[in-house]
Structures are given as structure tokens and as C-alpha cells.
Amino acid sequence: MKYSIFLLFCLFMLSLHAQVWGDSLIKAQEFYKNKEFNKSNEIYSKAEVSSGEDLSFQKERAQSAYRSEDFDAANEAYELALRQETNSKKQSEILYNQGNTYFKRGEYEAAIDKYKAAILKNQNNQEAKYNLSQVLRQKNSQSSSQKEKQDQSESENNQKTKNRDTEKKQDFSLEKQVADRTLDELLKKAQATKRKLANQKTKSSKNNKDW
């Protein structure tokens, strides 16, 4: 008797919990339709998932997270949905959406891989083909910009090195000029001293001459 009551109580709680969960998902869908994506994503991220509704739930959760720019949560939900989806066209859609999350985050290599995988699953996925061309263009543009910055940086460094070399040469030249002038002055003083000594010797000789 007690076991039966306990079982009924458990079934009632499970039923109540399922009802609350179902109401939460309905509310999340309403928020999504009203473009209140942050509120919708918040409910989806907290909701529990039953095995029968897991795939559709993950897709809804992923779209809601993507719209609220919670790209990490969106990618996680897409990944879970992809594991359960068996239809190649729908797999292509999920891969395309994953590519978009990476594209939005600026992770171009990952986005390229996902778009290519989407096209392999469905050759007619024109959106994936278009976005692939866009991300490739963006990547090339970024690479060109980075190369220009690198070239500019190298040019500036080369100019700085050249300026330092020029300054060193100027400093060396100035030091050499000062050294040359100092040496000239010393030589002049030495010559003057020599002449003075010579004159004194001459005078001394004249004064000591025997007439």
C-alpha cells in the first residue's frame, strides 16, 4: 500500500515537472517569436530535455542562443543536434548555422570548414556557398591588412635603424672633428714651444759670445 502511494506520488511529481517544463518551452517560443531572444535563450539554457524532444529542442535552443549572440551556447546546441540528425539536408543546415556562429566570432578557419562540410552534405546549399565565398574574402582581406601592417612596421623599424646609424655617424664625425681640432691645437702649441726654446737658445748664444 505504502509502495503504491509512493509510486503514485512519484508519477504525479514527474507529470507536474513535465507540465512546468512544457510551459517553460512554450514561454521560450513566445519570447523567440516576439524577438526577445535574450529571455528566450535564458529559458532554453535552464530547461531540461527529454530524449524524445531533444533534437527539436536543441535546434530551438541553438537558434535562440544565436539570435541573442550567445555563440558558445549556440554552437554547443548545434553540435548536439548534429549528432542526432540523420537527414543529410538537415545536417547541411546545421553545419551552415555552425559556420555562421564561427563567422560571427571571427574564427574564419573554423567557419570555412563548417561551410565546406555543409556543401558536401548538400550540393544545393546556396547559402553555404555564398557565405563560404564571403568568409574567404574576409580572410584574404584580413591577411592583406595584416601584411600591410607588418610591412609598415618593418619599414618603420628599418627607418629607425637607418636614423640611428645616421646619428651614430654624425656623432662619430663630430667626435672626430673635435679630436682633430684638439690635436691641431696641441701640435701648434708644441711648435710654438719649440720655436720659443730655439729663440731663447739663440739669444743665449749671442750674449755669451766673446768679442
Foldseek 3Di string as FASTA:
>chain_A
DVVVVVVVVVVVVVVVLVVVLVVLQVVLVVCVVVLVLVSSLVSLVPHDDDPVCLLVSLCSNLVSCVSVLVLVSNLVSLVVNLVPDDQLLVNLVSLQSNLVSCVVVVVLVSSLVSLVSSCVSPVPPVSSVVVNVVSVVVVVVVVVVVVVVVVVVVVVVVVVVVVVVVVVVVVVVVVVVVVVVVVVVVVVVVVVVVVVVVVVVVVVVVVPDDD
